[in-house]
C-alpha cells in the first residue's frame, strides 16, 4: 500500500499527490423569472463546436484575474446576453470532475461553478459569441444541457420556490 503524503505544509505537496488538481473556477448568473406566465430560465449555447454538438448552459464563464465572483458573473452575463442582470440570491456551488469545456481551452480536471440567482428587465441582445439563446420552463429542461443545469434548478426549487 502506498503511503499518502501528510500535508503538514500544503505548499510541499506535489502535483501528482492527492488534492492538487488543474482547476477552473467559473461564476455565472442563473436567470429564473416569470416569462409567458411560467417560471423559466434563460439558457445559451456558445463554444467552438457546431451548434448541434453544444449544450445549453447558464450565462457565465471563467473567473478572470482581478475580478470577484459576483463581478465576473455580471460581466459574463452582459457580454453574453447584452443586458445588465440583477443578482437576487445565491445558489449552491457545483464541482464537475473531468468535464470537457466547449471552447478550445485546456481541459481542467476540476471545474468549480459558482451560481448566482438573477433576473433581468431589458430586451436581450445576444453577444457575438452566442450561437443560440432560449427561455425554458424550469420543469421541462432540454436533454442537451450542461451537467450543472438540472441540479442547480433543483436547488432553486428547494431554496426559493
C-alpha atoms as a PDB file:
ATOM      1  CA  UNK A   1       0.000   0.000   0.000  1.00  0.00           C
ATOM      2  CA  UNK A   2       1.356   3.400  -0.979  1.00  0.00           C
ATOM      3  CA  UNK A   3       1.862   5.776   1.923  1.00  0.00           C
ATOM      4  CA  UNK A   4      -0.010   9.050   1.423  1.00  0.00           C
ATOM      5  CA  UNK A   5       1.806  12.317   1.969  1.00  0.00           C
ATOM      6  CA  UNK A   6       0.976  14.001   5.259  1.00  0.00           C
ATOM      7  CA  UNK A   7       0.382  17.617   4.144  1.00  0.00           C
ATOM      8  CA  UNK A   8       1.611  19.425   7.247  1.00  0.00           C
ATOM      9  CA  UNK A   9       2.664  22.121   4.818  1.00  0.00           C
ATOM     10  CA  UNK A  10       0.307  22.151   1.811  1.00  0.00           C
ATOM     11  CA  UNK A  11       2.931  24.063  -0.201  1.00  0.00           C
ATOM     12  CA  UNK A  12       5.177  20.989  -0.146  1.00  0.00           C
ATOM     13  CA  UNK A  13       2.513  18.775  -1.766  1.00  0.00           C
ATOM     14  CA  UNK A  14       3.473  17.612  -5.266  1.00  0.00           C
ATOM     15  CA  UNK A  15       1.054  17.952  -8.192  1.00  0.00           C
ATOM     16  CA  UNK A  16       0.856  14.146  -8.556  1.00  0.00           C
ATOM     17  CA  UNK A  17      -0.394  13.706  -4.996  1.00  0.00           C
ATOM     18  CA  UNK A  18      -3.990  13.618  -3.857  1.00  0.00           C
ATOM     19  CA  UNK A  19      -5.674  17.010  -3.559  1.00  0.00           C
ATOM     20  CA  UNK A  20      -3.872  19.019  -6.229  1.00  0.00           C
ATOM     21  CA  UNK A  21      -5.857  19.364  -9.444  1.00  0.00           C
ATOM     22  CA  UNK A  22      -5.803  21.513 -12.561  1.00  0.00           C
ATOM     23  CA  UNK A  23      -8.816  23.635 -11.623  1.00  0.00           C
ATOM     24  CA  UNK A  24     -11.003  26.193 -13.367  1.00  0.00           C
ATOM     25  CA  UNK A  25     -13.275  28.489 -11.371  1.00  0.00           C
ATOM     26  CA  UNK A  26     -16.277  29.986 -13.143  1.00  0.00           C
ATOM     27  CA  UNK A  27     -19.201  32.096 -11.999  1.00  0.00           C
ATOM     28  CA  UNK A  28     -22.469  32.892 -13.659  1.00  0.00           C
ATOM     29  CA  UNK A  29     -25.982  34.229 -13.486  1.00  0.00           C
ATOM     30  CA  UNK A  30     -28.854  31.758 -13.262  1.00  0.00           C
ATOM     31  CA  UNK A  31     -31.708  33.823 -14.659  1.00  0.00           C
ATOM     32  CA  UNK A  32     -35.049  32.477 -13.485  1.00  0.00           C
ATOM     33  CA  UNK A  33     -38.210  34.552 -13.706  1.00  0.00           C
ATOM     34  CA  UNK A  34     -41.812  34.554 -14.859  1.00  0.00           C
ATOM     35  CA  UNK A  35     -41.892  34.608 -18.625  1.00  0.00           C
ATOM     36  CA  UNK A  36     -45.006  33.847 -20.699  1.00  0.00           C
ATOM     37  CA  UNK A  37     -46.857  33.025 -17.450  1.00  0.00           C
ATOM     38  CA  UNK A  38     -44.409  30.320 -16.328  1.00  0.00           C
ATOM     39  CA  UNK A  39     -41.186  30.212 -14.333  1.00  0.00           C
ATOM     40  CA  UNK A  40     -38.477  29.958 -16.942  1.00  0.00           C
ATOM     41  CA  UNK A  41     -34.704  30.007 -17.096  1.00  0.00           C
ATOM     42  CA  UNK A  42     -32.602  31.583 -19.822  1.00  0.00           C
ATOM     43  CA  UNK A  43     -30.006  29.279 -21.362  1.00  0.00           C
ATOM     44  CA  UNK A  44     -27.403  29.932 -24.051  1.00  0.00           C
ATOM     45  CA  UNK A  45     -25.167  27.948 -26.385  1.00  0.00           C
ATOM     46  CA  UNK A  46     -21.639  29.023 -27.274  1.00  0.00           C
ATOM     47  CA  UNK A  47     -18.362  27.301 -27.970  1.00  0.00           C
ATOM     48  CA  UNK A  48     -16.047  26.065 -30.696  1.00  0.00           C
ATOM     49  CA  UNK A  49     -18.203  23.124 -31.834  1.00  0.00           C
ATOM     50  CA  UNK A  50     -21.105  23.081 -34.312  1.00  0.00           C
ATOM     51  CA  UNK A  51     -24.382  24.233 -32.721  1.00  0.00           C
ATOM     52  CA  UNK A  52     -25.900  20.715 -32.646  1.00  0.00           C
ATOM     53  CA  UNK A  53     -22.940  19.458 -30.586  1.00  0.00           C
ATOM     54  CA  UNK A  54     -23.104  22.260 -27.997  1.00  0.00           C
ATOM     55  CA  UNK A  55     -25.044  22.050 -24.742  1.00  0.00           C
ATOM     56  CA  UNK A  56     -27.371  24.597 -23.176  1.00  0.00           C
ATOM     57  CA  UNK A  57     -25.803  26.491 -20.263  1.00  0.00           C
ATOM     58  CA  UNK A  58     -26.338  29.412 -17.942  1.00  0.00           C
ATOM     59  CA  UNK A  59     -24.603  32.709 -18.687  1.00  0.00           C
ATOM     60  CA  UNK A  60     -21.180  32.658 -17.128  1.00  0.00           C
ATOM     61  CA  UNK A  61     -17.544  31.972 -17.591  1.00  0.00           C
ATOM     62  CA  UNK A  62     -14.069  31.519 -16.235  1.00  0.00           C
ATOM     63  CA  UNK A  63     -13.092  33.809 -13.366  1.00  0.00           C
ATOM     64  CA  UNK A  64     -10.679  36.443 -14.629  1.00  0.00           C
ATOM     65  CA  UNK A  65      -7.765  37.674 -12.552  1.00  0.00           C
ATOM     66  CA  UNK A  66      -8.671  40.777 -10.564  1.00  0.00           C
ATOM     67  CA  UNK A  67     -12.433  40.141 -10.616  1.00  0.00           C
ATOM     68  CA  UNK A  68     -14.503  38.870  -7.718  1.00  0.00           C
ATOM     69  CA  UNK A  69     -17.066  36.123  -8.319  1.00  0.00           C
ATOM     70  CA  UNK A  70     -20.146  38.401  -8.460  1.00  0.00           C
ATOM     71  CA  UNK A  71     -18.456  40.948 -10.730  1.00  0.00           C
ATOM     72  CA  UNK A  72     -17.383  38.116 -13.013  1.00  0.00           C
ATOM     73  CA  UNK A  73     -20.939  36.734 -13.209  1.00  0.00           C
ATOM     74  CA  UNK A  74     -22.327  40.204 -14.013  1.00  0.00           C
ATOM     75  CA  UNK A  75     -19.656  40.835 -16.671  1.00  0.00           C
ATOM     76  CA  UNK A  76     -20.217  37.460 -18.336  1.00  0.00           C
ATOM     77  CA  UNK A  77     -23.992  37.966 -18.459  1.00  0.00           C
ATOM     78  CA  UNK A  78     -23.559  41.430 -20.003  1.00  0.00           C
ATOM     79  CA  UNK A  79     -21.170  40.015 -22.644  1.00  0.00           C
ATOM     80  CA  UNK A  80     -23.386  37.056 -23.462  1.00  0.00           C
ATOM     81  CA  UNK A  81     -26.932  38.466 -23.389  1.00  0.00           C
ATOM     82  CA  UNK A  82     -26.261  42.186 -23.755  1.00  0.00           C
ATOM     83  CA  UNK A  83     -28.107  43.365 -20.638  1.00  0.00           C
ATOM     84  CA  UNK A  84     -27.339  44.069 -17.020  1.00  0.00           C
ATOM     85  CA  UNK A  85     -28.645  41.372 -14.676  1.00  0.00           C
ATOM     86  CA  UNK A  86     -29.719  41.890 -11.078  1.00  0.00           C
ATOM     87  CA  UNK A  87     -28.382  39.319  -8.621  1.00  0.00           C
ATOM     88  CA  UNK A  88     -31.110  38.452  -6.109  1.00  0.00           C
ATOM     89  CA  UNK A  89     -29.652  35.424  -4.339  1.00  0.00           C
ATOM     90  CA  UNK A  90     -27.108  32.664  -4.217  1.00  0.00           C
ATOM     91  CA  UNK A  91     -27.349  29.077  -5.361  1.00  0.00           C
ATOM     92  CA  UNK A  92     -25.099  26.131  -4.472  1.00  0.00           C
ATOM     93  CA  UNK A  93     -21.626  25.821  -5.895  1.00  0.00           C
ATOM     94  CA  UNK A  94     -21.146  22.759  -8.070  1.00  0.00           C
ATOM     95  CA  UNK A  95     -17.969  20.812  -8.787  1.00  0.00           C
ATOM     96  CA  UNK A  96     -17.606  18.986 -12.101  1.00  0.00           C
ATOM     97  CA  UNK A  97     -14.902  16.370 -12.405  1.00  0.00           C
ATOM     98  CA  UNK A  98     -13.242  15.659 -15.779  1.00  0.00           C
ATOM     99  CA  UNK A  99     -15.797  17.774 -17.681  1.00  0.00           C
ATOM    100  CA  UNK A 100     -14.628  18.928 -21.120  1.00  0.00           C
ATOM    101  CA  UNK A 101     -15.117  22.678 -21.767  1.00  0.00           C
ATOM    102  CA  UNK A 102     -16.813  23.566 -25.057  1.00  0.00           C
ATOM    103  CA  UNK A 103     -14.110  26.012 -26.044  1.00  0.00           C
ATOM    104  CA  UNK A 104     -10.541  25.496 -27.216  1.00  0.00           C
ATOM    105  CA  UNK A 105      -9.058  25.897 -23.770  1.00  0.00           C
ATOM    106  CA  UNK A 106      -7.013  23.273 -21.986  1.00  0.00           C
ATOM    107  CA  UNK A 107      -9.136  20.722 -20.108  1.00  0.00           C
ATOM    108  CA  UNK A 108      -9.115  21.182 -16.327  1.00  0.00           C
ATOM    109  CA  UNK A 109      -9.566  18.181 -14.055  1.00  0.00           C
ATOM    110  CA  UNK A 110     -11.953  20.045 -11.782  1.00  0.00           C
ATOM    111  CA  UNK A 111     -14.373  22.866 -12.621  1.00  0.00           C
ATOM    112  CA  UNK A 112     -15.939  24.840  -9.763  1.00  0.00           C
ATOM    113  CA  UNK A 113     -19.138  26.631 -10.759  1.00  0.00           C
ATOM    114  CA  UNK A 114     -20.436  29.439  -8.559  1.00  0.00           C
ATOM    115  CA  UNK A 115     -24.080  30.263  -9.350  1.00  0.00           C
ATOM    116  CA  UNK A 116     -26.000  33.468  -8.567  1.00  0.00           C
ATOM    117  CA  UNK A 117     -29.770  33.719  -8.906  1.00  0.00           C
ATOM    118  CA  UNK A 118     -30.575  36.695 -11.129  1.00  0.00           C
ATOM    119  CA  UNK A 119     -33.311  38.491 -13.037  1.00  0.00           C
ATOM    120  CA  UNK A 120     -33.407  40.852 -15.990  1.00  0.00           C
ATOM    121  CA  UNK A 121     -35.820  43.563 -17.091  1.00  0.00           C
ATOM    122  CA  UNK A 122     -34.469  44.551 -20.503  1.00  0.00           C
ATOM    123  CA  UNK A 123     -34.683  43.158 -24.019  1.00  0.00           C
ATOM    124  CA  UNK A 124     -31.983  40.572 -24.686  1.00  0.00           C
ATOM    125  CA  UNK A 125     -29.199  41.329 -27.168  1.00  0.00           C
ATOM    126  CA  UNK A 126     -27.109  38.194 -27.786  1.00  0.00           C
ATOM    127  CA  UNK A 127     -23.357  38.764 -27.741  1.00  0.00           C
ATOM    128  CA  UNK A 128     -21.139  37.854 -30.683  1.00  0.00           C
ATOM    129  CA  UNK A 129     -20.115  34.511 -29.123  1.00  0.00           C
ATOM    130  CA  UNK A 130     -23.707  33.355 -28.531  1.00  0.00           C
ATOM    131  CA  UNK A 131     -24.944  30.886 -31.158  1.00  0.00           C
ATOM    132  CA  UNK A 132     -28.361  30.259 -29.542  1.00  0.00           C
ATOM    133  CA  UNK A 133     -30.384  31.695 -26.661  1.00  0.00           C
ATOM    134  CA  UNK A 134     -33.746  30.462 -25.388  1.00  0.00           C
ATOM    135  CA  UNK A 135     -36.124  30.525 -22.414  1.00  0.00           C
ATOM    136  CA  UNK A 136     -37.045  27.111 -20.980  1.00  0.00           C
ATOM    137  CA  UNK A 137     -39.749  26.135 -18.491  1.00  0.00           C
ATOM    138  CA  UNK A 138     -37.856  25.092 -15.338  1.00  0.00           C
ATOM    139  CA  UNK A 139     -39.963  21.906 -15.232  1.00  0.00           C
ATOM    140  CA  UNK A 140     -39.169  20.975 -18.857  1.00  0.00           C
ATOM    141  CA  UNK A 141     -35.464  21.443 -19.414  1.00  0.00           C
ATOM    142  CA  UNK A 142     -33.769  20.325 -22.640  1.00  0.00           C
ATOM    143  CA  UNK A 143     -31.974  16.986 -22.788  1.00  0.00           C
ATOM    144  CA  UNK A 144     -28.838  18.601 -24.222  1.00  0.00           C
ATOM    145  CA  UNK A 145     -27.983  20.829 -21.276  1.00  0.00           C
ATOM    146  CA  UNK A 146     -24.737  21.043 -19.318  1.00  0.00           C
ATOM    147  CA  UNK A 147     -24.475  18.816 -16.237  1.00  0.00           C
ATOM    148  CA  UNK A 148     -24.859  21.733 -13.817  1.00  0.00           C
ATOM    149  CA  UNK A 149     -28.262  22.884 -15.137  1.00  0.00           C
ATOM    150  CA  UNK A 150     -30.668  20.317 -13.665  1.00  0.00           C
ATOM    151  CA  UNK A 151     -29.058  20.151 -10.175  1.00  0.00           C
ATOM    152  CA  UNK A 152     -28.963  23.958  -9.986  1.00  0.00           C
ATOM    153  CA  UNK A 153     -32.633  24.264 -10.991  1.00  0.00           C
ATOM    154  CA  UNK A 154     -33.499  21.568  -8.412  1.00  0.00           C
ATOM    155  CA  UNK A 155     -31.633  23.570  -5.763  1.00  0.00           C
ATOM    156  CA  UNK A 156     -33.509  26.717  -6.806  1.00  0.00           C
ATOM    157  CA  UNK A 157     -36.838  24.920  -6.379  1.00  0.00           C
ATOM    158  CA  UNK A 158     -35.834  23.696  -2.933  1.00  0.00           C
ATOM    159  CA  UNK A 159     -34.483  27.052  -1.741  1.00  0.00           C
ATOM    160  CA  UNK A 160     -36.743  29.632  -3.367  1.00  0.00           C
ATOM    161  CA  UNK A 161     -39.899  28.080  -4.780  1.00  0.00           C
END
